[in-house]
N, C-alpha and C. Protein backbone atom coordinates (compact mmCIF):
# COMPACT_ATOMS: atom_id res chain seq x y z
N UNK A 1 0.63 -0.95 0.08
CA UNK A 1 -0.03 -0.41 0.00
C UNK A 1 1.17 1.50 0.15
N UNK A 2 0.98 1.78 -1.13
CA UNK A 2 1.41 3.36 -1.03
C UNK A 2 0.52 4.48 -0.53
N UNK A 3 1.23 5.43 0.18
CA UNK A 3 0.82 6.42 1.16
C UNK A 3 0.60 7.74 0.01
N UNK A 4 -0.19 8.44 0.14
CA UNK A 4 -0.10 9.78 -0.79
C UNK A 4 0.76 11.02 0.26
N UNK A 5 1.13 12.20 -0.86
CA UNK A 5 2.11 12.82 -0.34
C UNK A 5 1.13 13.57 1.01
N UNK A 6 0.25 13.72 1.37
CA UNK A 6 -0.51 14.13 2.10
C UNK A 6 -0.07 13.71 3.77
N UNK A 7 -0.24 11.91 3.32
CA UNK A 7 -0.62 11.23 4.18
C UNK A 7 0.90 10.67 4.64
N UNK A 8 1.94 11.20 3.62
CA UNK A 8 3.28 11.21 3.96
C UNK A 8 3.93 12.35 5.25
N UNK A 9 3.24 13.81 4.21
CA UNK A 9 3.57 14.46 5.29
C UNK A 9 2.95 14.85 7.13
N UNK A 10 1.39 13.85 6.93
CA UNK A 10 1.31 13.87 8.37
C UNK A 10 1.85 12.99 8.99
N UNK A 11 2.74 11.81 8.57
CA UNK A 11 3.72 10.66 9.15
C UNK A 11 4.54 11.63 9.56
N UNK A 12 5.16 12.15 9.08
CA UNK A 12 6.87 13.07 8.84
C UNK A 12 6.17 13.73 10.29
N UNK A 13 5.12 14.91 10.16
CA UNK A 13 4.81 15.66 11.16
C UNK A 13 4.90 14.98 12.81
N UNK A 14 4.12 13.54 12.59
CA UNK A 14 3.71 12.78 14.04
C UNK A 14 5.39 12.35 14.66
N UNK A 15 6.43 11.91 13.08
CA UNK A 15 7.40 11.64 13.83
C UNK A 15 8.20 12.77 14.85
N UNK A 16 8.20 13.74 14.08
CA UNK A 16 8.72 15.14 14.18
C UNK A 16 8.57 15.52 15.86
N UNK A 17 7.20 15.56 15.89
CA UNK A 17 6.21 15.65 17.33
C UNK A 17 6.79 14.89 18.62
N UNK A 18 7.07 13.41 17.99
CA UNK A 18 7.51 12.39 18.92
C UNK A 18 8.74 12.54 19.22
N UNK A 19 9.49 13.08 18.52
CA UNK A 19 11.29 12.91 18.96
C UNK A 19 11.22 14.19 19.35
N UNK A 20 10.30 15.38 19.19
CA UNK A 20 10.57 16.48 20.06
C UNK A 20 10.43 16.58 21.76
N UNK A 21 9.34 15.48 21.84
CA UNK A 21 8.78 15.53 23.07
C UNK A 21 9.23 14.35 24.01
N UNK A 22 10.11 13.65 23.48
CA UNK A 22 11.39 12.32 23.47
C UNK A 22 12.75 13.42 23.71
N UNK A 23 13.05 14.28 22.75
CA UNK A 23 14.39 15.03 23.83
C UNK A 23 13.84 15.53 24.76
N UNK A 24 12.95 16.84 24.85
CA UNK A 24 12.86 17.52 26.02
C UNK A 24 12.52 16.46 27.34
N UNK A 25 11.73 15.44 26.91
CA UNK A 25 11.81 14.20 27.88
C UNK A 25 13.29 14.12 29.14
N UNK A 26 14.43 14.03 28.22
CA UNK A 26 15.46 13.16 28.36
C UNK A 26 16.24 14.06 28.83
N UNK A 27 15.91 15.44 29.07
CA UNK A 27 16.55 16.49 29.36
C UNK A 27 16.21 16.87 30.72
N UNK A 28 15.50 16.01 31.07
CA UNK A 28 15.07 16.25 32.80
C UNK A 28 14.12 16.91 32.97
N UNK A 29 13.29 17.39 31.67
CA UNK A 29 12.04 18.31 32.05
C UNK A 29 10.72 17.56 31.67
N UNK A 30 9.66 18.19 31.40
CA UNK A 30 8.23 17.40 31.58
C UNK A 30 7.63 18.97 30.84
N UNK A 31 6.70 18.54 29.96
CA UNK A 31 5.61 19.52 29.11
C UNK A 31 4.91 20.14 30.46
N UNK A 32 4.28 19.86 31.42
CA UNK A 32 3.61 20.46 32.21
C UNK A 32 4.47 21.32 33.02
N UNK A 33 5.73 20.62 33.23
CA UNK A 33 7.02 22.08 34.09
C UNK A 33 6.94 23.18 33.20
N UNK A 34 6.74 23.79 31.80
CA UNK A 34 7.29 24.60 31.08
C UNK A 34 5.76 25.70 31.65
N UNK A 35 4.67 25.02 32.16
CA UNK A 35 3.16 25.26 31.91
C UNK A 35 2.76 25.83 32.92
N UNK A 36 3.64 25.42 34.40
CA UNK A 36 3.29 25.75 35.48
C UNK A 36 3.85 27.44 35.82
N UNK A 37 5.17 28.03 35.07
CA UNK A 37 5.03 29.58 35.60
C UNK A 37 6.42 29.59 34.27
N UNK A 38 6.99 30.72 34.99
CA UNK A 38 7.64 31.57 33.66
C UNK A 38 9.41 30.56 34.26
N UNK A 39 9.88 30.48 33.30
CA UNK A 39 11.15 29.75 33.33
C UNK A 39 12.21 30.60 33.70
N UNK A 40 13.17 30.57 34.44
CA UNK A 40 14.38 31.48 33.94
C UNK A 40 15.57 30.86 34.02
N UNK A 41 16.91 31.63 34.49
CA UNK A 41 18.27 31.39 33.97
C UNK A 41 19.09 32.30 34.82
N UNK A 42 18.95 31.72 36.10
CA UNK A 42 20.69 32.87 36.74
C UNK A 42 22.09 31.69 36.67
N UNK A 43 22.55 32.87 37.16
CA UNK A 43 24.03 31.92 37.17
C UNK A 43 24.36 32.85 38.66
N UNK A 44 25.05 32.15 39.03
CA UNK A 44 25.66 31.87 40.99
C UNK A 44 27.57 31.58 40.53
N UNK A 45 27.68 32.96 41.17
CA UNK A 45 29.31 33.04 41.56
C UNK A 45 29.14 32.47 42.91
N UNK A 46 29.95 31.57 43.11
CA UNK A 46 30.23 30.00 44.33
C UNK A 46 31.70 30.27 44.56
N UNK A 47 32.12 30.95 45.71
CA UNK A 47 33.44 30.69 46.05
C UNK A 47 33.91 29.33 46.95
N UNK A 48 35.18 29.18 46.76
CA UNK A 48 35.61 28.12 47.47
C UNK A 48 35.71 26.44 47.56
N UNK A 49 34.77 26.63 46.07
CA UNK A 49 34.69 25.04 45.32
C UNK A 49 35.91 23.98 44.73
N UNK A 50 36.82 23.36 44.79
CA UNK A 50 37.96 22.67 44.66
C UNK A 50 37.98 21.65 44.06
N UNK A 51 36.91 20.86 43.82
CA UNK A 51 36.80 19.70 43.42
C UNK A 51 35.36 19.14 43.13
N UNK A 52 35.23 18.36 42.37
CA UNK A 52 33.33 17.94 42.18
C UNK A 52 32.82 17.10 43.10
N UNK A 53 33.28 17.16 44.37
CA UNK A 53 32.52 16.86 45.97
C UNK A 53 31.46 18.56 46.18
N UNK A 54 32.47 19.34 45.75
CA UNK A 54 32.05 20.73 46.46
C UNK A 54 31.04 20.58 44.96
N UNK A 55 31.42 20.41 43.76
CA UNK A 55 29.82 20.55 43.19
C UNK A 55 28.86 20.00 43.50
N UNK A 56 28.95 18.87 44.45
CA UNK A 56 28.24 18.11 44.53
C UNK A 56 27.13 18.77 45.01
N UNK A 57 28.07 18.96 46.32
CA UNK A 57 27.36 19.83 47.66
C UNK A 57 26.42 21.16 47.39
N UNK A 58 26.79 21.85 46.18
CA UNK A 58 26.43 22.96 45.95
C UNK A 58 25.09 22.81 45.09
N UNK A 59 24.78 22.18 43.91
CA UNK A 59 23.89 21.32 43.67
C UNK A 59 23.26 20.76 44.31
N UNK A 60 23.31 19.98 45.29
CA UNK A 60 22.94 19.98 46.35
C UNK A 60 21.45 20.61 46.46
N UNK A 61 22.46 21.45 47.34
CA UNK A 61 22.00 22.23 48.15
C UNK A 61 20.47 23.48 46.98
N UNK A 62 20.94 23.70 46.05
CA UNK A 62 20.43 24.45 44.87
C UNK A 62 18.94 23.71 44.29
N UNK A 63 18.90 22.37 44.37
CA UNK A 63 18.02 21.35 43.80
C UNK A 63 17.42 21.07 45.20
N UNK A 64 17.42 21.46 46.23
CA UNK A 64 16.51 21.63 47.18
C UNK A 64 15.43 22.95 47.12
N UNK A 65 16.22 23.28 46.60
CA UNK A 65 14.87 24.73 46.73
C UNK A 65 13.53 24.65 45.70
N UNK A 66 13.01 24.67 46.65
CA UNK A 66 11.34 24.61 45.74
C UNK A 66 11.51 25.87 44.46
N UNK A 67 11.05 25.06 43.51
CA UNK A 67 10.88 26.06 41.87
C UNK A 67 12.30 25.77 41.21
N UNK A 68 13.29 25.22 41.57
CA UNK A 68 14.04 25.01 40.88
C UNK A 68 14.62 23.74 40.27
N UNK A 69 14.67 23.83 38.92
CA UNK A 69 14.43 23.02 37.86
C UNK A 69 16.00 21.74 37.25
N UNK A 70 16.63 23.13 37.51
CA UNK A 70 18.20 22.28 37.06
C UNK A 70 19.33 22.81 37.19
N UNK A 71 20.79 22.27 37.81
CA UNK A 71 21.33 22.75 38.24
C UNK A 71 23.01 22.49 37.63
N UNK A 72 23.94 23.18 37.16
CA UNK A 72 24.77 22.87 36.25
C UNK A 72 26.22 23.76 36.79
N UNK A 73 26.62 22.86 37.88
CA UNK A 73 28.22 23.67 38.69
C UNK A 73 29.15 23.12 38.00
N UNK A 74 30.21 24.25 37.69
CA UNK A 74 31.70 24.21 37.37
C UNK A 74 32.54 24.60 38.45
N UNK A 75 33.29 23.48 39.51
CA UNK A 75 34.19 24.24 40.43
C UNK A 75 35.22 25.26 39.35
N UNK A 76 35.95 24.46 38.52
CA UNK A 76 37.06 25.53 37.55
C UNK A 76 36.14 26.72 37.22
N UNK A 77 35.05 26.63 36.93
CA UNK A 77 34.69 28.34 36.81
C UNK A 77 34.18 29.26 37.76
N UNK A 78 33.96 28.21 39.33
CA UNK A 78 33.16 28.58 40.42
C UNK A 78 31.79 29.21 40.09
N UNK A 79 31.33 28.88 39.24
CA UNK A 79 29.72 29.05 38.86
C UNK A 79 28.89 27.84 38.86
N UNK A 80 27.19 28.37 39.39
CA UNK A 80 26.19 27.44 39.27
C UNK A 80 25.28 28.22 38.09
N UNK A 81 25.13 27.51 36.77
CA UNK A 81 23.76 28.33 36.30
C UNK A 81 22.85 27.46 36.76
N UNK A 82 21.35 27.73 37.26
CA UNK A 82 20.32 27.40 37.29
C UNK A 82 18.98 27.31 37.03
N UNK A 83 18.14 26.82 36.00
CA UNK A 83 17.30 26.94 35.79
C UNK A 83 15.92 27.08 36.89
N UNK A 84 14.94 27.54 36.82
CA UNK A 84 14.20 27.95 37.97
C UNK A 84 13.16 28.54 37.79
N UNK A 85 11.84 28.04 38.44
CA UNK A 85 10.43 28.32 38.15
C UNK A 85 10.26 29.61 38.72
N UNK A 86 10.25 31.51 38.22
CA UNK A 86 10.65 32.23 38.49
C UNK A 86 9.13 32.53 39.40
N UNK A 87 7.82 31.98 39.30
CA UNK A 87 6.88 31.97 40.42
C UNK A 87 7.31 31.43 41.19
N UNK A 88 8.00 30.85 41.53
CA UNK A 88 8.17 30.01 42.81
C UNK A 88 9.56 30.41 43.64
N UNK A 89 10.17 31.14 43.11
CA UNK A 89 11.66 31.41 43.68
C UNK A 89 12.64 32.68 42.77
N UNK A 90 13.49 32.77 43.47
CA UNK A 90 14.47 33.85 42.66
C UNK A 90 15.66 33.52 42.87
N UNK A 91 16.51 34.31 41.84
CA UNK A 91 18.01 34.20 42.20
C UNK A 91 18.71 34.82 43.55
N UNK A 92 17.84 35.41 44.50
CA UNK A 92 19.10 35.70 45.67
C UNK A 92 18.23 34.64 46.73
N UNK A 93 16.72 33.63 46.56
CA UNK A 93 17.04 32.80 47.28
C UNK A 93 17.83 31.75 47.34
N UNK A 94 17.75 31.60 45.68
CA UNK A 94 18.73 30.61 45.35
C UNK A 94 20.01 30.48 46.01
N UNK A 95 21.00 31.72 45.87
CA UNK A 95 22.21 31.96 46.53
C UNK A 95 22.26 31.84 48.06
N UNK A 96 21.16 32.50 48.71
CA UNK A 96 21.01 31.90 50.12
C UNK A 96 20.64 30.62 50.46
N UNK A 97 20.37 30.28 49.47
CA UNK A 97 19.98 28.88 50.29
C UNK A 97 21.07 27.79 49.74
N UNK A 98 22.13 28.16 49.04
CA UNK A 98 23.26 27.37 48.70
C UNK A 98 24.20 27.73 49.59
N UNK A 99 24.52 29.19 50.43
CA UNK A 99 25.38 29.70 51.16
C UNK A 99 24.78 28.63 52.73
N UNK A 100 23.84 28.55 52.56
CA UNK A 100 22.93 28.52 54.31
C UNK A 100 23.22 26.67 54.17
N UNK A 101 23.32 26.32 53.12
CA UNK A 101 23.59 24.81 53.00
C UNK A 101 24.31 24.24 52.36
N UNK A 102 25.45 24.03 52.04
CA UNK A 102 26.36 23.77 51.09
C UNK A 102 27.67 24.35 51.44
N UNK A 103 28.05 24.67 52.53
CA UNK A 103 29.00 25.43 53.06
C UNK A 103 30.59 26.24 51.96
N UNK A 104 29.65 26.35 51.01
CA UNK A 104 30.47 27.83 49.83
C UNK A 104 29.24 29.14 50.11
N UNK A 105 30.18 29.93 49.44
CA UNK A 105 29.35 31.46 49.60
C UNK A 105 28.97 31.23 47.96
N UNK A 106 27.87 31.64 47.99
CA UNK A 106 27.03 31.83 46.72
C UNK A 106 26.68 33.28 46.70
N UNK A 107 26.65 34.10 45.40
CA UNK A 107 26.43 34.88 44.83
C UNK A 107 25.77 35.18 43.55
N UNK A 108 24.31 36.27 43.93
CA UNK A 108 23.91 36.04 42.32
C UNK A 108 25.28 36.77 41.59
N UNK A 109 25.78 36.25 40.11
CA UNK A 109 27.15 36.76 39.34
C UNK A 109 26.16 37.90 38.80
N UNK A 110 26.83 39.04 38.67
CA UNK A 110 26.66 40.21 37.86
C UNK A 110 26.85 40.15 36.30
N UNK A 111 26.22 41.09 35.55
CA UNK A 111 25.94 40.68 33.73
C UNK A 111 26.94 41.69 33.16
């Protein structure tokens, strides 16, 4: 059975949508999360980190903040990039929590 051009276009669109949803969920996100609030990203300057264990402590402290969706930490750069729900938290609150719970001083990086 051969498909017509219209059927091929519909099938192609279906598989593109499936691929986008799969890629989105594999990055740790869900479709529902983007509808909850406004997603934002901030960079924190974190002082005193010297190893991967330090990165883990900072990441764990940031992820415990309600509204934080993902955290990427680099001890070499002395930074943490945080994706969060702006309706639930702020860069200042995240920095405060990291400082209080990780053993490292964190502050919102100036742009």
